[in-house]
Amino acid sequence: MKSQLICLLGPTAVGKTEISIQLSQRLNGEIVSVDSRQIYQQMDIGTAKPTLKEQQAARHHLIDCVDITQPFSVADYQTLADDAIAEIQNRGKRVLLVGGAGLYFRAIVDGLFEGPAADPSFRKRLEQEALQHGVDTLHNRLRACDPESAERIHPNNLTRVIRALEVYELTGTPMSEHQQQWHQGNQRYPFIAFGLTMPREILYRRIEQRVDKMLANGLIAEVESLLAEGYSRDTFALQSFGYKELIAYLDGQCTYIEAIEQLKQNTRRFAKRQLTWFRKDKRIRWIDRESTPDVVGYIMEEIESAHLDDIK
């Protein structure tokens, strides 16, 4: 029997890394990152990647495993995660899934929404349309029929935009609605999940402090270095928050102050979307960090009371 996965989820800047390291030490475990940006090798500061000291305190998996020019899908992530989980469990260690990428989490524990088979002619027609009129045309169409998917899929990710439109075209139902119908009774792994939260005003203040710290640690130099190495500004990974705002500043499209304010605002919006996604999953046990002095102790008690098979 597979041992239960311990999952620690929540929005950016809520403090998952600190708690997860303490848990891994208490549980003789290793961390599998559930993050859609920390997978990239060249993006460190802007993704709030665990520091070398933190990675030495607890072994991390699925960090620094993909070049930013390499195409990478949720299915690719699922394959790497399955391999990491098996390898950790084969060594008798506990697996901790830690992160804020809701779709990646569901891919591990519930599997992927397969959907209808691809329609090559439909895809070719949309690809031609994107070439002629721009990818924003397709993304706006997606926003009209499936606003939830449009919110989650970046306009530059043409493959995912087309797939979402394809699912709607072939089934008449938005892909986001299909994904909400995952059968939670058919879990791929047994698990217990905890979500970290805190009052919104405190979380937003932590987000702003994190951005300031990233800047102090050299975020602008990191972005400049990536551009100097020849990576395209249109690279999907570089269109994520933390990078696109500073690229706009470096290209003279806005002032430094405007770029930082936009970065903070985009990060706040991202945290809000993360919470919205996770709140829909009733299997997650929520912990308010402000009202729970000993979060690690509380989680350990919850694990023990759940009678997991190999918790000591």
C-alpha atoms as a PDB file:
ATOM      1  CA  MET A   1       0.000   0.000   0.000  1.00  0.00           C
ATOM      2  CA  LYS A   2       1.241   3.476  -0.836  1.00  0.00           C
ATOM      3  CA  SER A   3       1.847   5.614   2.226  1.00  0.00           C
ATOM      4  CA  GLN A   4      -0.244   8.753   2.487  1.00  0.00           C
ATOM      5  CA  LEU A   5       1.082  11.948   1.023  1.00  0.00           C
ATOM      6  CA  ILE A   6       1.194  14.970   3.304  1.00  0.00           C
ATOM      7  CA  CYS A   7       0.133  18.051   1.338  1.00  0.00           C
ATOM      8  CA  LEU A   8       0.795  21.646   2.361  1.00  0.00           C
ATOM      9  CA  LEU A   9      -0.944  24.109   0.078  1.00  0.00           C
ATOM     10  CA  GLY A  10      -1.835  27.769  -0.035  1.00  0.00           C
ATOM     11  CA  PRO A  11      -1.198  31.132  -1.676  1.00  0.00           C
ATOM     12  CA  THR A  12       2.152  32.692  -2.356  1.00  0.00           C
ATOM     13  CA  ALA A  13       3.928  34.341   0.620  1.00  0.00           C
ATOM     14  CA  VAL A  14       1.824  32.543   3.226  1.00  0.00           C
ATOM     15  CA  GLY A  15       4.906  30.742   4.604  1.00  0.00           C
ATOM     16  CA  LYS A  16       4.693  27.234   3.150  1.00  0.00           C
ATOM     17  CA  THR A  17       8.460  26.756   2.789  1.00  0.00           C
ATOM     18  CA  GLU A  18       9.253  27.399   6.442  1.00  0.00           C
ATOM     19  CA  ILE A  19       6.495  25.091   7.707  1.00  0.00           C
ATOM     20  CA  SER A  20       7.236  22.351   5.173  1.00  0.00           C
ATOM     21  CA  ILE A  21      10.909  22.153   6.145  1.00  0.00           C
ATOM     22  CA  GLN A  22      10.006  21.746   9.804  1.00  0.00           C
ATOM     23  CA  LEU A  23       7.446  19.075   8.894  1.00  0.00           C
ATOM     24  CA  SER A  24       9.892  17.169   6.717  1.00  0.00           C
ATOM     25  CA  GLN A  25      12.340  17.038   9.614  1.00  0.00           C
ATOM     26  CA  ARG A  26       9.654  15.803  12.008  1.00  0.00           C
ATOM     27  CA  LEU A  27       8.320  13.215   9.547  1.00  0.00           C
ATOM     28  CA  ASN A  28      11.585  11.961   7.993  1.00  0.00           C
ATOM     29  CA  GLY A  29      10.272  13.261   4.712  1.00  0.00           C
ATOM     30  CA  GLU A  30      11.262  14.933   1.471  1.00  0.00           C
ATOM     31  CA  ILE A  31       9.490  17.734  -0.366  1.00  0.00           C
ATOM     32  CA  VAL A  32       7.999  17.505  -3.851  1.00  0.00           C
ATOM     33  CA  SER A  33       7.468  21.041  -5.126  1.00  0.00           C
ATOM     34  CA  VAL A  34       3.987  21.793  -6.455  1.00  0.00           C
ATOM     35  CA  ASP A  35       4.978  24.997  -8.209  1.00  0.00           C
ATOM     36  CA  SER A  36       4.625  25.855 -11.893  1.00  0.00           C
ATOM     37  CA  ARG A  37       7.565  28.309 -11.955  1.00  0.00           C
ATOM     38  CA  GLN A  38      10.189  26.893  -9.606  1.00  0.00           C
ATOM     39  CA  ILE A  39      10.665  24.062 -12.095  1.00  0.00           C
ATOM     40  CA  TYR A  40      12.655  26.460 -14.307  1.00  0.00           C
ATOM     41  CA  GLN A  41      16.413  26.373 -13.875  1.00  0.00           C
ATOM     42  CA  GLN A  42      17.170  29.993 -14.698  1.00  0.00           C
ATOM     43  CA  MET A  43      14.476  31.631 -12.551  1.00  0.00           C
ATOM     44  CA  ASP A  44      15.465  31.818  -8.893  1.00  0.00           C
ATOM     45  CA  ILE A  45      14.784  35.128  -7.189  1.00  0.00           C
ATOM     46  CA  GLY A  46      11.529  35.980  -8.964  1.00  0.00           C
ATOM     47  CA  THR A  47      10.002  32.590  -8.185  1.00  0.00           C
ATOM     48  CA  ALA A  48      10.920  32.672  -4.478  1.00  0.00           C
ATOM     49  CA  LYS A  49      12.760  29.399  -4.936  1.00  0.00           C
ATOM     50  CA  PRO A  50      13.957  27.795  -1.674  1.00  0.00           C
ATOM     51  CA  THR A  51      17.456  28.983  -0.844  1.00  0.00           C
ATOM     52  CA  LEU A  52      20.457  26.641  -0.820  1.00  0.00           C
ATOM     53  CA  LYS A  53      20.290  26.611   2.984  1.00  0.00           C
ATOM     54  CA  GLU A  54      16.610  25.659   2.898  1.00  0.00           C
ATOM     55  CA  GLN A  55      17.242  22.927   0.338  1.00  0.00           C
ATOM     56  CA  GLN A  56      20.025  21.567   2.552  1.00  0.00           C
ATOM     57  CA  ALA A  57      17.639  21.507   5.524  1.00  0.00           C
ATOM     58  CA  ALA A  58      15.160  19.357   3.577  1.00  0.00           C
ATOM     59  CA  ARG A  59      15.620  17.596   0.267  1.00  0.00           C
ATOM     60  CA  HIS A  60      13.492  19.144  -2.486  1.00  0.00           C
ATOM     61  CA  HIS A  61      12.329  17.579  -5.752  1.00  0.00           C
ATOM     62  CA  LEU A  62      10.982  19.142  -8.980  1.00  0.00           C
ATOM     63  CA  ILE A  63      12.974  22.338  -8.590  1.00  0.00           C
ATOM     64  CA  ASP A  64      15.433  23.407 -11.329  1.00  0.00           C
ATOM     65  CA  CYS A  65      14.446  20.570 -13.643  1.00  0.00           C
ATOM     66  CA  VAL A  66      13.394  22.381 -16.836  1.00  0.00           C
ATOM     67  CA  ASP A  67      15.088  24.957 -19.095  1.00  0.00           C
ATOM     68  CA  ILE A  68      12.874  28.004 -19.636  1.00  0.00           C
ATOM     69  CA  THR A  69      12.877  27.407 -23.402  1.00  0.00           C
ATOM     70  CA  GLN A  70      11.660  23.820 -22.972  1.00  0.00           C
ATOM     71  CA  PRO A  71       7.954  23.106 -23.556  1.00  0.00           C
ATOM     72  CA  PHE A  72       6.492  21.762 -20.325  1.00  0.00           C
ATOM     73  CA  SER A  73       2.921  20.625 -19.702  1.00  0.00           C
ATOM     74  CA  VAL A  74       0.910  19.543 -16.691  1.00  0.00           C
ATOM     75  CA  ALA A  75       1.210  15.989 -18.013  1.00  0.00           C
ATOM     76  CA  ASP A  76       5.009  16.357 -18.015  1.00  0.00           C
ATOM     77  CA  TYR A  77       4.830  17.552 -14.431  1.00  0.00           C
ATOM     78  CA  GLN A  78       2.636  14.615 -13.434  1.00  0.00           C
ATOM     79  CA  THR A  79       5.180  12.166 -14.870  1.00  0.00           C
ATOM     80  CA  LEU A  80       8.092  13.774 -13.011  1.00  0.00           C
ATOM     81  CA  ALA A  81       6.068  13.946  -9.795  1.00  0.00           C
ATOM     82  CA  ASP A  82       5.088  10.274  -9.990  1.00  0.00           C
ATOM     83  CA  ASP A  83       8.733   9.321 -10.477  1.00  0.00           C
ATOM     84  CA  ALA A  84       9.837  11.465  -7.532  1.00  0.00           C
ATOM     85  CA  ILE A  85       7.113  10.109  -5.251  1.00  0.00           C
ATOM     86  CA  ALA A  86       8.002   6.508  -6.090  1.00  0.00           C
ATOM     87  CA  GLU A  87      11.700   7.139  -5.552  1.00  0.00           C
ATOM     88  CA  ILE A  88      11.123   8.794  -2.167  1.00  0.00           C
ATOM     89  CA  GLN A  89       8.745   6.092  -0.963  1.00  0.00           C
ATOM     90  CA  ASN A  90      11.065   3.319  -2.131  1.00  0.00           C
ATOM     91  CA  ARG A  91      13.677   4.756   0.235  1.00  0.00           C
ATOM     92  CA  GLY A  92      11.216   4.615   3.109  1.00  0.00           C
ATOM     93  CA  LYS A  93      10.760   8.359   3.313  1.00  0.00           C
ATOM     94  CA  ARG A  94       7.572  10.374   3.704  1.00  0.00           C
ATOM     95  CA  VAL A  95       6.421  12.487   0.744  1.00  0.00           C
ATOM     96  CA  LEU A  96       5.361  16.086   1.341  1.00  0.00           C
ATOM     97  CA  LEU A  97       3.648  17.860  -1.556  1.00  0.00           C
ATOM     98  CA  VAL A  98       4.222  21.570  -1.048  1.00  0.00           C
ATOM     99  CA  GLY A  99       3.146  24.484  -3.194  1.00  0.00           C
ATOM    100  CA  GLY A 100       0.482  26.707  -4.626  1.00  0.00           C
ATOM    101  CA  ALA A 101      -0.192  25.361  -8.129  1.00  0.00           C
ATOM    102  CA  GLY A 102      -3.706  23.991  -7.829  1.00  0.00           C
ATOM    103  CA  LEU A 103      -3.771  22.294 -11.217  1.00  0.00           C
ATOM    104  CA  TYR A 104      -0.468  20.536 -10.514  1.00  0.00           C
ATOM    105  CA  PHE A 105      -1.795  19.329  -7.157  1.00  0.00           C
ATOM    106  CA  ARG A 106      -4.920  17.908  -8.759  1.00  0.00           C
ATOM    107  CA  ALA A 107      -2.845  16.273 -11.504  1.00  0.00           C
ATOM    108  CA  ILE A 108      -0.961  14.309  -8.838  1.00  0.00           C
ATOM    109  CA  VAL A 109      -3.788  13.276  -6.553  1.00  0.00           C
ATOM    110  CA  ASP A 110      -6.729  13.022  -8.983  1.00  0.00           C
ATOM    111  CA  GLY A 111      -5.168  12.676 -12.414  1.00  0.00           C
ATOM    112  CA  LEU A 112      -5.675  14.733 -15.536  1.00  0.00           C
ATOM    113  CA  PHE A 113      -8.832  15.605 -17.377  1.00  0.00           C
ATOM    114  CA  GLU A 114      -8.289  13.789 -20.663  1.00  0.00           C
ATOM    115  CA  GLY A 115     -11.129  15.304 -22.642  1.00  0.00           C
ATOM    116  CA  PRO A 116     -12.032  14.596 -26.263  1.00  0.00           C
ATOM    117  CA  ALA A 117      -9.480  13.464 -28.810  1.00  0.00           C
ATOM    118  CA  ALA A 118      -7.626  16.197 -30.671  1.00  0.00           C
ATOM    119  CA  ASP A 119      -9.136  17.641 -33.832  1.00  0.00           C
ATOM    120  CA  PRO A 120      -6.142  18.392 -36.129  1.00  0.00           C
ATOM    121  CA  SER A 121      -8.142  20.487 -38.600  1.00  0.00           C
ATOM    122  CA  PHE A 122      -9.593  22.636 -35.815  1.00  0.00           C
ATOM    123  CA  ARG A 123      -6.155  23.168 -34.286  1.00  0.00           C
ATOM    124  CA  LYS A 124      -4.587  24.071 -37.630  1.00  0.00           C
ATOM    125  CA  ARG A 125      -7.332  26.610 -38.303  1.00  0.00           C
ATOM    126  CA  LEU A 126      -6.794  28.282 -34.915  1.00  0.00           C
ATOM    127  CA  GLU A 127      -3.023  28.295 -35.327  1.00  0.00           C
ATOM    128  CA  GLN A 128      -3.448  30.102 -38.659  1.00  0.00           C
ATOM    129  CA  GLU A 129      -5.828  32.554 -37.044  1.00  0.00           C
ATOM    130  CA  ALA A 130      -3.268  33.269 -34.308  1.00  0.00           C
ATOM    131  CA  LEU A 131      -0.611  33.943 -36.949  1.00  0.00           C
ATOM    132  CA  GLN A 132      -2.865  36.326 -38.843  1.00  0.00           C
ATOM    133  CA  HIS A 133      -4.610  38.159 -36.007  1.00  0.00           C
ATOM    134  CA  GLY A 134      -2.465  37.493 -32.921  1.00  0.00           C
ATOM    135  CA  VAL A 135      -2.829  35.160 -29.966  1.00  0.00           C
ATOM    136  CA  ASP A 136      -4.877  37.721 -28.042  1.00  0.00           C
ATOM    137  CA  THR A 137      -7.729  37.141 -30.482  1.00  0.00           C
ATOM    138  CA  LEU A 138      -7.969  33.498 -29.419  1.00  0.00           C
ATOM    139  CA  HIS A 139      -7.507  34.324 -25.753  1.00  0.00           C
ATOM    140  CA  ASN A 140     -10.353  36.854 -25.895  1.00  0.00           C
ATOM    141  CA  ARG A 141     -12.543  34.197 -27.479  1.00  0.00           C
ATOM    142  CA  LEU A 142     -11.637  31.820 -24.667  1.00  0.00           C
ATOM    143  CA  ARG A 143     -12.455  34.499 -22.111  1.00  0.00           C
ATOM    144  CA  ALA A 144     -15.932  34.766 -23.620  1.00  0.00           C
ATOM    145  CA  CYS A 145     -16.745  31.039 -23.413  1.00  0.00           C
ATOM    146  CA  ASP A 146     -14.577  29.916 -20.483  1.00  0.00           C
ATOM    147  CA  PRO A 147     -13.474  32.888 -18.334  1.00  0.00           C
ATOM    148  CA  GLU A 148     -12.084  30.647 -15.600  1.00  0.00           C
ATOM    149  CA  SER A 149      -9.690  28.884 -17.972  1.00  0.00           C
ATOM    150  CA  ALA A 150      -8.789  32.216 -19.595  1.00  0.00           C
ATOM    151  CA  GLU A 151      -7.855  33.590 -16.194  1.00  0.00           C
ATOM    152  CA  ARG A 152      -5.541  30.644 -15.567  1.00  0.00           C
ATOM    153  CA  ILE A 153      -3.990  30.287 -19.045  1.00  0.00           C
ATOM    154  CA  HIS A 154      -1.577  32.972 -20.209  1.00  0.00           C
ATOM    155  CA  PRO A 155      -2.365  34.385 -23.684  1.00  0.00           C
ATOM    156  CA  ASN A 156       1.127  33.426 -24.897  1.00  0.00           C
ATOM    157  CA  ASN A 157       0.528  29.765 -24.071  1.00  0.00           C
ATOM    158  CA  LEU A 158      -1.040  29.114 -27.463  1.00  0.00           C
ATOM    159  CA  THR A 159      -1.132  25.322 -27.072  1.00  0.00           C
ATOM    160  CA  ARG A 160      -3.246  25.493 -23.909  1.00  0.00           C
ATOM    161  CA  VAL A 161      -5.473  28.268 -25.270  1.00  0.00           C
ATOM    162  CA  ILE A 162      -6.247  26.200 -28.372  1.00  0.00           C
ATOM    163  CA  ARG A 163      -6.851  23.061 -26.316  1.00  0.00           C
ATOM    164  CA  ALA A 164      -9.330  24.869 -24.068  1.00  0.00           C
ATOM    165  CA  LEU A 165     -11.170  26.227 -27.114  1.00  0.00           C
ATOM    166  CA  GLU A 166     -11.083  22.763 -28.669  1.00  0.00           C
ATOM    167  CA  VAL A 167     -12.675  21.160 -25.609  1.00  0.00           C
ATOM    168  CA  TYR A 168     -15.449  23.743 -25.655  1.00  0.00           C
ATOM    169  CA  GLU A 169     -15.959  23.341 -29.407  1.00  0.00           C
ATOM    170  CA  LEU A 170     -16.188  19.539 -29.226  1.00  0.00           C
ATOM    171  CA  THR A 171     -18.179  19.150 -26.006  1.00  0.00           C
ATOM    172  CA  GLY A 172     -20.131  22.387 -25.623  1.00  0.00           C
ATOM    173  CA  THR A 173     -18.878  22.592 -22.040  1.00  0.00           C
ATOM    174  CA  PRO A 174     -16.015  24.803 -20.771  1.00  0.00           C
ATOM    175  CA  MET A 175     -12.848  22.920 -19.878  1.00  0.00           C
ATOM    176  CA  SER A 176     -12.901  24.498 -16.405  1.00  0.00           C
ATOM    177  CA  GLU A 177     -16.281  22.874 -15.798  1.00  0.00           C
ATOM    178  CA  HIS A 178     -14.969  19.484 -16.925  1.00  0.00           C
ATOM    179  CA  GLN A 179     -12.034  19.852 -14.531  1.00  0.00           C
ATOM    180  CA  GLN A 180     -14.366  20.570 -11.620  1.00  0.00           C
ATOM    181  CA  GLN A 181     -16.011  17.204 -12.246  1.00  0.00           C
ATOM    182  CA  TRP A 182     -12.909  15.171 -11.408  1.00  0.00           C
ATOM    183  CA  HIS A 183     -14.049  12.204  -9.372  1.00  0.00           C
ATOM    184  CA  GLN A 184     -12.548  12.715  -5.954  1.00  0.00           C
ATOM    185  CA  GLY A 185     -13.320   9.095  -5.057  1.00  0.00           C
ATOM    186  CA  ASN A 186     -10.768   7.889  -7.619  1.00  0.00           C
ATOM    187  CA  GLN A 187      -7.688   9.393  -6.026  1.00  0.00           C
ATOM    188  CA  ARG A 188      -4.356   8.326  -7.436  1.00  0.00           C
ATOM    189  CA  TYR A 189      -2.723   8.523  -4.000  1.00  0.00           C
ATOM    190  CA  PRO A 190      -4.020   8.481  -0.445  1.00  0.00           C
ATOM    191  CA  PHE A 191      -3.307  11.871   1.118  1.00  0.00           C
ATOM    192  CA  ILE A 192      -4.116  14.367   3.813  1.00  0.00           C
ATOM    193  CA  ALA A 193      -4.048  18.027   2.784  1.00  0.00           C
ATOM    194  CA  PHE A 194      -3.605  21.203   4.786  1.00  0.00           C
ATOM    195  CA  GLY A 195      -4.065  24.722   3.491  1.00  0.00           C
ATOM    196  CA  LEU A 196      -2.337  27.717   5.048  1.00  0.00           C
ATOM    197  CA  THR A 197      -4.157  31.012   5.152  1.00  0.00           C
ATOM    198  CA  MET A 198      -4.190  34.306   7.040  1.00  0.00           C
ATOM    199  CA  PRO A 199      -6.221  37.534   6.988  1.00  0.00           C
ATOM    200  CA  ARG A 200      -6.028  39.110   3.541  1.00  0.00           C
ATOM    201  CA  GLU A 201      -4.502  42.386   4.705  1.00  0.00           C
ATOM    202  CA  ILE A 202      -1.669  40.515   6.431  1.00  0.00           C
ATOM    203  CA  LEU A 203      -1.074  38.273   3.402  1.00  0.00           C
ATOM    204  CA  TYR A 204      -0.963  41.285   1.091  1.00  0.00           C
ATOM    205  CA  ARG A 205       1.528  43.015   3.369  1.00  0.00           C
ATOM    206  CA  ARG A 206       3.715  39.896   3.301  1.00  0.00           C
ATOM    207  CA  ILE A 207       3.495  39.861  -0.488  1.00  0.00           C
ATOM    208  CA  GLU A 208       4.700  43.456  -0.676  1.00  0.00           C
ATOM    209  CA  GLN A 209       7.527  42.698   1.740  1.00  0.00           C
ATOM    210  CA  ARG A 210       8.525  39.675  -0.342  1.00  0.00           C
ATOM    211  CA  VAL A 211       8.676  41.758  -3.516  1.00  0.00           C
ATOM    212  CA  ASP A 212      10.858  44.333  -1.735  1.00  0.00           C
ATOM    213  CA  LYS A 213      13.143  41.537  -0.550  1.00  0.00           C
ATOM    214  CA  MET A 214      13.400  40.079  -4.066  1.00  0.00           C
ATOM    215  CA  LEU A 215      14.451  43.470  -5.387  1.00  0.00           C
ATOM    216  CA  ALA A 216      17.037  43.821  -2.616  1.00  0.00           C
ATOM    217  CA  ASN A 217      18.353  40.348  -3.472  1.00  0.00           C
ATOM    218  CA  GLY A 218      18.951  41.276  -7.112  1.00  0.00           C
ATOM    219  CA  LEU A 219      15.755  40.524  -9.054  1.00  0.00           C
ATOM    220  CA  ILE A 220      16.436  43.227 -11.637  1.00  0.00           C
ATOM    221  CA  ALA A 221      19.932  41.852 -12.237  1.00  0.00           C
ATOM    222  CA  GLU A 222      18.429  38.369 -12.687  1.00  0.00           C
ATOM    223  CA  VAL A 223      16.025  39.662 -15.346  1.00  0.00           C
ATOM    224  CA  GLU A 224      18.788  41.643 -17.073  1.00  0.00           C
ATOM    225  CA  SER A 225      20.985  38.542 -17.134  1.00  0.00           C
ATOM    226  CA  LEU A 226      18.254  36.433 -18.757  1.00  0.00           C
ATOM    227  CA  LEU A 227      17.719  39.023 -21.475  1.00  0.00           C
ATOM    228  CA  ALA A 228      21.476  39.415 -21.996  1.00  0.00           C
ATOM    229  CA  GLU A 229      21.771  35.665 -22.513  1.00  0.00           C
ATOM    230  CA  GLY A 230      19.361  35.966 -25.417  1.00  0.00           C
ATOM    231  CA  TYR A 231      16.163  34.562 -23.976  1.00  0.00           C
ATOM    232  CA  SER A 232      13.158  35.982 -25.791  1.00  0.00           C
ATOM    233  CA  ARG A 233      10.883  38.384 -23.956  1.00  0.00           C
ATOM    234  CA  ASP A 234       7.993  36.331 -25.344  1.00  0.00           C
ATOM    235  CA  THR A 235       9.189  33.117 -23.686  1.00  0.00           C
ATOM    236  CA  PHE A 236       6.216  31.775 -21.741  1.00  0.00           C
ATOM    237  CA  ALA A 237       8.141  31.531 -18.470  1.00  0.00           C
ATOM    238  CA  LEU A 238       9.287  35.166 -18.715  1.00  0.00           C
ATOM    239  CA  GLN A 239       5.708  36.333 -19.161  1.00  0.00           C
ATOM    240  CA  SER A 240       4.881  35.364 -15.582  1.00  0.00           C
ATOM    241  CA  PHE A 241       4.610  37.940 -12.822  1.00  0.00           C
ATOM    242  CA  GLY A 242       7.922  39.021 -11.362  1.00  0.00           C
ATOM    243  CA  TYR A 243       9.545  39.047 -14.782  1.00  0.00           C
ATOM    244  CA  LYS A 244       7.167  40.643 -17.279  1.00  0.00           C
ATOM    245  CA  GLU A 245       6.800  43.804 -15.159  1.00  0.00           C
ATOM    246  CA  LEU A 246      10.551  44.335 -14.917  1.00  0.00           C
ATOM    247  CA  ILE A 247      11.049  43.553 -18.605  1.00  0.00           C
ATOM    248  CA  ALA A 248       8.557  46.328 -19.351  1.00  0.00           C
ATOM    249  CA  TYR A 249      10.582  48.668 -17.120  1.00  0.00           C
ATOM    250  CA  LEU A 250      13.892  47.703 -18.713  1.00  0.00           C
ATOM    251  CA  ASP A 251      12.371  48.245 -22.157  1.00  0.00           C
ATOM    252  CA  GLY A 252      11.302  51.750 -21.156  1.00  0.00           C
ATOM    253  CA  GLN A 253       7.590  50.998 -21.254  1.00  0.00           C
ATOM    254  CA  CYS A 254       7.020  52.219 -17.696  1.00  0.00           C
ATOM    255  CA  THR A 255       8.839  53.768 -14.759  1.00  0.00           C
ATOM    256  CA  TYR A 256      10.507  51.757 -11.998  1.00  0.00           C
ATOM    257  CA  ILE A 257       7.805  52.779  -9.513  1.00  0.00           C
ATOM    258  CA  GLU A 258       5.045  51.777 -11.921  1.00  0.00           C
ATOM    259  CA  ALA A 259       6.697  48.405 -12.573  1.00  0.00           C
ATOM    260  CA  ILE A 260       7.020  47.574  -8.877  1.00  0.00           C
ATOM    261  CA  GLU A 261       3.452  48.606  -8.116  1.00  0.00           C
ATOM    262  CA  GLN A 262       2.231  46.466 -11.022  1.00  0.00           C
ATOM    263  CA  LEU A 263       4.309  43.541  -9.797  1.00  0.00           C
ATOM    264  CA  LYS A 264       2.831  43.784  -6.307  1.00  0.00           C
ATOM    265  CA  GLN A 265      -0.680  44.083  -7.691  1.00  0.00           C
ATOM    266  CA  ASN A 266      -0.241  41.098 -10.024  1.00  0.00           C
ATOM    267  CA  THR A 267       1.137  39.010  -7.152  1.00  0.00           C
ATOM    268  CA  ARG A 268      -1.844  39.917  -4.960  1.00  0.00           C
ATOM    269  CA  ARG A 269      -4.195  38.896  -7.756  1.00  0.00           C
ATOM    270  CA  PHE A 270      -2.325  35.641  -8.201  1.00  0.00           C
ATOM    271  CA  ALA A 271      -2.671  34.852  -4.485  1.00  0.00           C
ATOM    272  CA  LYS A 272      -6.399  35.549  -4.700  1.00  0.00           C
ATOM    273  CA  ARG A 273      -6.763  33.127  -7.630  1.00  0.00           C
ATOM    274  CA  GLN A 274      -4.818  30.469  -5.735  1.00  0.00           C
ATOM    275  CA  LEU A 275      -7.150  30.754  -2.755  1.00  0.00           C
ATOM    276  CA  THR A 276     -10.219  30.630  -4.993  1.00  0.00           C
ATOM    277  CA  TRP A 277      -8.975  27.403  -6.598  1.00  0.00           C
ATOM    278  CA  PHE A 278      -8.054  25.650  -3.356  1.00  0.00           C
ATOM    279  CA  ARG A 279     -11.218  26.727  -1.508  1.00  0.00           C
ATOM    280  CA  LYS A 280     -13.247  24.610  -3.930  1.00  0.00           C
ATOM    281  CA  ASP A 281     -11.513  21.448  -2.729  1.00  0.00           C
ATOM    282  CA  LYS A 282     -13.329  20.380   0.422  1.00  0.00           C
ATOM    283  CA  ARG A 283     -10.630  17.826   1.267  1.00  0.00           C
ATOM    284  CA  ILE A 284      -8.241  20.563   2.352  1.00  0.00           C
ATOM    285  CA  ARG A 285      -8.082  21.321   6.081  1.00  0.00           C
ATOM    286  CA  TRP A 286      -7.488  25.047   6.504  1.00  0.00           C
ATOM    287  CA  ILE A 287      -5.171  26.538   9.106  1.00  0.00           C
ATOM    288  CA  ASP A 288      -5.135  30.252   9.907  1.00  0.00           C
ATOM    289  CA  ARG A 289      -1.515  31.059  10.685  1.00  0.00           C
ATOM    290  CA  GLU A 290      -2.453  34.109  12.752  1.00  0.00           C
ATOM    291  CA  SER A 291      -4.689  32.159  15.118  1.00  0.00           C
ATOM    292  CA  THR A 292      -2.552  28.991  15.266  1.00  0.00           C
ATOM    293  CA  PRO A 293       0.690  29.678  17.177  1.00  0.00           C
ATOM    294  CA  ASP A 294       2.199  26.221  16.561  1.00  0.00           C
ATOM    295  CA  VAL A 295       1.220  25.265  13.016  1.00  0.00           C
ATOM    296  CA  VAL A 296       3.638  22.332  12.836  1.00  0.00           C
ATOM    297  CA  GLY A 297       2.406  20.931  16.135  1.00  0.00           C
ATOM    298  CA  TYR A 298      -1.206  21.308  15.030  1.00  0.00           C
ATOM    299  CA  ILE A 299      -0.544  19.481  11.758  1.00  0.00           C
ATOM    300  CA  MET A 300       1.266  16.669  13.571  1.00  0.00           C
ATOM    301  CA  GLU A 301      -1.728  16.242  15.884  1.00  0.00           C
ATOM    302  CA  GLU A 302      -4.105  16.188  12.926  1.00  0.00           C
ATOM    303  CA  ILE A 303      -1.988  13.577  11.162  1.00  0.00           C
ATOM    304  CA  GLU A 304      -1.876  11.389  14.241  1.00  0.00           C
ATOM    305  CA  SER A 305      -5.620  11.697  14.820  1.00  0.00           C
ATOM    306  CA  ALA A 306      -6.224  10.660  11.199  1.00  0.00           C
ATOM    307  CA  HIS A 307      -4.577   7.295  12.040  1.00  0.00           C
ATOM    308  CA  LEU A 308      -2.215   7.268   9.111  1.00  0.00           C
ATOM    309  CA  ASP A 309      -0.510   3.938   8.789  1.00  0.00           C
ATOM    310  CA  ASP A 310       3.118   4.872   9.311  1.00  0.00           C
ATOM    311  CA  ILE A 311       3.199   8.072  11.360  1.00  0.00           C
ATOM    312  CA  LYS A 312       5.203   7.710  14.524  1.00  0.00           C
END
